[in-house]
Amino acid sequence: MCALRREVSFPQPSPYSAAMQILVAILPWLIGAALVAVVGVLFAGLITMAKTGDENRRRSNILMRWRVGTQATAVILIALYFLLTRM
């Protein structure tokens, strides 16, 4: 008779250190906060742009610069998350 061989598999240890596991757990929350910040700055800039006047035009331009910065932050966080979770 042929005996069936059963392979035993043990759980693999995480390839990340404890600090990396915490970072991977926190990154989705940071990405969400960054996206909320992008939308908030975008709408604040659009509302300011709709108003007339030189002061509002200058403030709108500053807010659109902030939007670019927050978008860059969000893209970097998303790329970091995918880099860390696809290893």
N, C-alpha and C. Protein backbone atom coordinates (compact mmCIF):
# COMPACT_ATOMS: atom_id res chain seq x y z
N MET A 1 0.83 -1.18 0.00
CA MET A 1 0.00 0.00 0.00
C MET A 1 0.88 1.25 0.00
N CYS A 2 0.34 2.21 -0.64
CA CYS A 2 1.08 3.47 -0.75
C CYS A 2 0.57 4.44 0.32
N ALA A 3 1.47 4.90 1.12
CA ALA A 3 1.08 5.85 2.17
C ALA A 3 1.04 7.26 1.59
N LEU A 4 0.02 7.98 1.94
CA LEU A 4 -0.10 9.37 1.49
C LEU A 4 0.81 10.25 2.33
N ARG A 5 1.56 11.07 1.64
CA ARG A 5 2.43 11.99 2.34
C ARG A 5 1.71 13.32 2.51
N ARG A 6 1.70 13.78 3.67
CA ARG A 6 1.05 15.06 3.95
C ARG A 6 2.14 16.06 4.36
N GLU A 7 2.18 17.13 3.63
CA GLU A 7 3.18 18.14 3.94
C GLU A 7 2.63 19.10 4.97
N VAL A 8 3.45 19.41 5.90
CA VAL A 8 3.08 20.35 6.96
C VAL A 8 3.67 21.70 6.61
N SER A 9 2.82 22.70 6.60
CA SER A 9 3.32 24.05 6.32
C SER A 9 3.18 24.90 7.57
N PHE A 10 4.23 25.58 7.85
CA PHE A 10 4.24 26.46 9.00
C PHE A 10 4.08 27.90 8.52
N PRO A 11 3.46 28.74 9.33
CA PRO A 11 3.32 30.14 8.91
C PRO A 11 4.69 30.79 8.73
N GLN A 12 4.79 31.54 7.66
CA GLN A 12 6.05 32.21 7.36
C GLN A 12 6.17 33.46 8.22
N PRO A 13 7.36 33.71 8.72
CA PRO A 13 7.53 34.96 9.48
C PRO A 13 7.40 36.15 8.54
N SER A 14 6.94 37.23 9.09
CA SER A 14 6.77 38.43 8.29
C SER A 14 8.12 38.94 7.82
N PRO A 15 8.21 39.37 6.55
CA PRO A 15 9.50 39.89 6.07
C PRO A 15 9.80 41.28 6.61
N TYR A 16 8.86 41.86 7.34
CA TYR A 16 9.04 43.22 7.84
C TYR A 16 9.40 43.20 9.32
N SER A 17 10.11 44.20 9.74
CA SER A 17 10.37 44.38 11.16
C SER A 17 9.10 44.95 11.80
N ALA A 18 9.13 45.07 13.10
CA ALA A 18 7.96 45.59 13.81
C ALA A 18 7.66 47.02 13.39
N ALA A 19 8.69 47.82 13.18
CA ALA A 19 8.48 49.21 12.76
C ALA A 19 7.85 49.27 11.38
N MET A 20 8.28 48.39 10.47
CA MET A 20 7.70 48.37 9.13
C MET A 20 6.25 47.92 9.17
N GLN A 21 5.92 46.97 10.03
CA GLN A 21 4.54 46.52 10.15
C GLN A 21 3.65 47.66 10.63
N ILE A 22 4.15 48.45 11.56
CA ILE A 22 3.39 49.61 12.04
C ILE A 22 3.22 50.61 10.91
N LEU A 23 4.28 50.86 10.13
CA LEU A 23 4.21 51.80 9.01
C LEU A 23 3.19 51.34 7.98
N VAL A 24 3.21 50.05 7.65
CA VAL A 24 2.26 49.52 6.67
C VAL A 24 0.83 49.61 7.21
N ALA A 25 0.65 49.50 8.52
CA ALA A 25 -0.68 49.61 9.10
C ALA A 25 -1.17 51.06 9.14
N ILE A 26 -0.25 52.01 9.29
CA ILE A 26 -0.63 53.42 9.41
C ILE A 26 -0.76 54.11 8.05
N LEU A 27 -0.04 53.63 7.05
CA LEU A 27 -0.04 54.30 5.75
C LEU A 27 -1.43 54.51 5.14
N PRO A 28 -2.35 53.53 5.18
CA PRO A 28 -3.68 53.81 4.62
C PRO A 28 -4.38 55.00 5.29
N TRP A 29 -4.17 55.17 6.58
CA TRP A 29 -4.77 56.31 7.28
C TRP A 29 -4.11 57.62 6.84
N LEU A 30 -2.81 57.59 6.66
CA LEU A 30 -2.11 58.79 6.19
C LEU A 30 -2.52 59.14 4.76
N ILE A 31 -2.72 58.12 3.93
CA ILE A 31 -3.17 58.36 2.56
C ILE A 31 -4.56 58.98 2.57
N GLY A 32 -5.44 58.46 3.41
CA GLY A 32 -6.79 59.03 3.51
C GLY A 32 -6.76 60.48 3.96
N ALA A 33 -5.93 60.77 4.94
CA ALA A 33 -5.81 62.16 5.42
C ALA A 33 -5.25 63.06 4.33
N ALA A 34 -4.28 62.57 3.57
CA ALA A 34 -3.71 63.37 2.49
C ALA A 34 -4.75 63.64 1.40
N LEU A 35 -5.57 62.65 1.10
CA LEU A 35 -6.61 62.85 0.07
C LEU A 35 -7.68 63.83 0.54
N VAL A 36 -8.04 63.75 1.81
CA VAL A 36 -8.99 64.72 2.35
C VAL A 36 -8.40 66.13 2.30
N ALA A 37 -7.11 66.26 2.59
CA ALA A 37 -6.45 67.56 2.53
C ALA A 37 -6.43 68.09 1.10
N VAL A 38 -6.19 67.21 0.12
CA VAL A 38 -6.19 67.64 -1.28
C VAL A 38 -7.56 68.19 -1.67
N VAL A 39 -8.61 67.46 -1.31
CA VAL A 39 -9.96 67.91 -1.67
C VAL A 39 -10.31 69.21 -0.95
N GLY A 40 -9.92 69.32 0.32
CA GLY A 40 -10.20 70.55 1.07
C GLY A 40 -9.51 71.76 0.48
N VAL A 41 -8.23 71.62 0.16
CA VAL A 41 -7.48 72.74 -0.42
C VAL A 41 -8.01 73.07 -1.82
N LEU A 42 -8.38 72.03 -2.57
CA LEU A 42 -8.92 72.26 -3.91
C LEU A 42 -10.20 73.09 -3.85
N PHE A 43 -11.13 72.69 -2.99
CA PHE A 43 -12.38 73.45 -2.90
C PHE A 43 -12.18 74.85 -2.32
N ALA A 44 -11.27 74.98 -1.37
CA ALA A 44 -10.99 76.31 -0.83
C ALA A 44 -10.42 77.21 -1.93
N GLY A 45 -9.54 76.67 -2.76
CA GLY A 45 -8.97 77.44 -3.86
C GLY A 45 -10.01 77.79 -4.91
N LEU A 46 -10.90 76.85 -5.20
CA LEU A 46 -11.95 77.12 -6.20
C LEU A 46 -12.93 78.18 -5.71
N ILE A 47 -13.29 78.11 -4.43
CA ILE A 47 -14.21 79.11 -3.87
C ILE A 47 -13.55 80.49 -3.87
N THR A 48 -12.28 80.52 -3.50
CA THR A 48 -11.56 81.80 -3.49
C THR A 48 -11.39 82.33 -4.91
N MET A 49 -11.19 81.43 -5.87
CA MET A 49 -11.03 81.85 -7.27
C MET A 49 -12.32 82.45 -7.82
N ALA A 50 -13.46 81.99 -7.32
CA ALA A 50 -14.74 82.49 -7.82
C ALA A 50 -15.01 83.92 -7.36
N LYS A 51 -14.39 84.33 -6.29
CA LYS A 51 -14.56 85.70 -5.80
C LYS A 51 -13.69 86.65 -6.62
N THR A 52 -14.10 87.88 -6.68
CA THR A 52 -13.33 88.86 -7.45
C THR A 52 -12.39 89.63 -6.53
N GLY A 53 -11.39 90.24 -7.13
CA GLY A 53 -10.44 91.06 -6.37
C GLY A 53 -9.04 90.52 -6.46
N ASP A 54 -8.07 91.44 -6.31
CA ASP A 54 -6.67 91.06 -6.40
C ASP A 54 -6.23 90.18 -5.22
N GLU A 55 -6.74 90.50 -4.03
CA GLU A 55 -6.37 89.71 -2.85
C GLU A 55 -6.86 88.27 -2.99
N ASN A 56 -8.07 88.08 -3.48
CA ASN A 56 -8.60 86.73 -3.67
C ASN A 56 -7.85 85.99 -4.76
N ARG A 57 -7.42 86.69 -5.80
CA ARG A 57 -6.65 86.05 -6.86
C ARG A 57 -5.31 85.55 -6.32
N ARG A 58 -4.65 86.37 -5.50
CA ARG A 58 -3.37 85.97 -4.92
C ARG A 58 -3.54 84.79 -3.96
N ARG A 59 -4.60 84.86 -3.13
CA ARG A 59 -4.87 83.77 -2.19
C ARG A 59 -5.22 82.48 -2.91
N SER A 60 -5.97 82.59 -4.00
CA SER A 60 -6.33 81.41 -4.79
C SER A 60 -5.09 80.77 -5.39
N ASN A 61 -4.16 81.60 -5.87
CA ASN A 61 -2.92 81.09 -6.44
C ASN A 61 -2.10 80.34 -5.38
N ILE A 62 -2.05 80.88 -4.17
CA ILE A 62 -1.33 80.22 -3.08
C ILE A 62 -1.99 78.90 -2.74
N LEU A 63 -3.33 78.89 -2.70
CA LEU A 63 -4.03 77.64 -2.38
C LEU A 63 -3.83 76.58 -3.47
N MET A 64 -3.74 76.99 -4.71
CA MET A 64 -3.50 76.01 -5.78
C MET A 64 -2.07 75.46 -5.68
N ARG A 65 -1.14 76.26 -5.21
CA ARG A 65 0.22 75.74 -4.96
C ARG A 65 0.20 74.72 -3.83
N TRP A 66 -0.57 75.01 -2.78
CA TRP A 66 -0.73 74.06 -1.69
C TRP A 66 -1.36 72.76 -2.19
N ARG A 67 -2.30 72.89 -3.11
CA ARG A 67 -2.95 71.69 -3.66
C ARG A 67 -1.94 70.81 -4.37
N VAL A 68 -1.06 71.42 -5.13
CA VAL A 68 -0.02 70.65 -5.83
C VAL A 68 0.87 69.93 -4.81
N GLY A 69 1.23 70.61 -3.75
CA GLY A 69 2.05 69.99 -2.71
C GLY A 69 1.35 68.84 -2.01
N THR A 70 0.06 69.02 -1.69
CA THR A 70 -0.67 67.94 -1.02
C THR A 70 -0.89 66.77 -1.97
N GLN A 71 -1.10 67.05 -3.25
CA GLN A 71 -1.23 65.96 -4.22
C GLN A 71 0.07 65.18 -4.33
N ALA A 72 1.19 65.87 -4.37
CA ALA A 72 2.48 65.19 -4.44
C ALA A 72 2.69 64.31 -3.21
N THR A 73 2.32 64.83 -2.05
CA THR A 73 2.43 64.04 -0.82
C THR A 73 1.57 62.79 -0.90
N ALA A 74 0.33 62.93 -1.37
CA ALA A 74 -0.56 61.78 -1.49
C ALA A 74 -0.01 60.75 -2.47
N VAL A 75 0.52 61.19 -3.60
CA VAL A 75 1.07 60.25 -4.59
C VAL A 75 2.28 59.53 -4.02
N ILE A 76 3.13 60.23 -3.29
CA ILE A 76 4.31 59.60 -2.69
C ILE A 76 3.88 58.56 -1.65
N LEU A 77 2.89 58.88 -0.83
CA LEU A 77 2.41 57.93 0.16
C LEU A 77 1.80 56.69 -0.49
N ILE A 78 1.03 56.89 -1.56
CA ILE A 78 0.42 55.75 -2.27
C ILE A 78 1.52 54.88 -2.88
N ALA A 79 2.51 55.50 -3.50
CA ALA A 79 3.60 54.73 -4.09
C ALA A 79 4.38 53.97 -3.02
N LEU A 80 4.62 54.59 -1.88
CA LEU A 80 5.31 53.93 -0.79
C LEU A 80 4.51 52.74 -0.27
N TYR A 81 3.20 52.91 -0.16
CA TYR A 81 2.35 51.81 0.31
C TYR A 81 2.41 50.63 -0.65
N PHE A 82 2.28 50.89 -1.94
CA PHE A 82 2.33 49.79 -2.91
C PHE A 82 3.72 49.16 -2.96
N LEU A 83 4.75 49.94 -2.79
CA LEU A 83 6.11 49.41 -2.77
C LEU A 83 6.30 48.46 -1.58
N LEU A 84 5.80 48.86 -0.42
CA LEU A 84 5.99 48.05 0.78
C LEU A 84 5.10 46.81 0.80
N THR A 85 3.92 46.88 0.23
CA THR A 85 3.01 45.74 0.31
C THR A 85 3.18 44.76 -0.84
N ARG A 86 3.90 45.09 -1.86
CA ARG A 86 4.07 44.19 -3.00
C ARG A 86 5.39 43.42 -2.97
N MET A 87 6.13 43.50 -1.88
CA MET A 87 7.41 42.80 -1.77
C MET A 87 7.19 41.32 -1.63
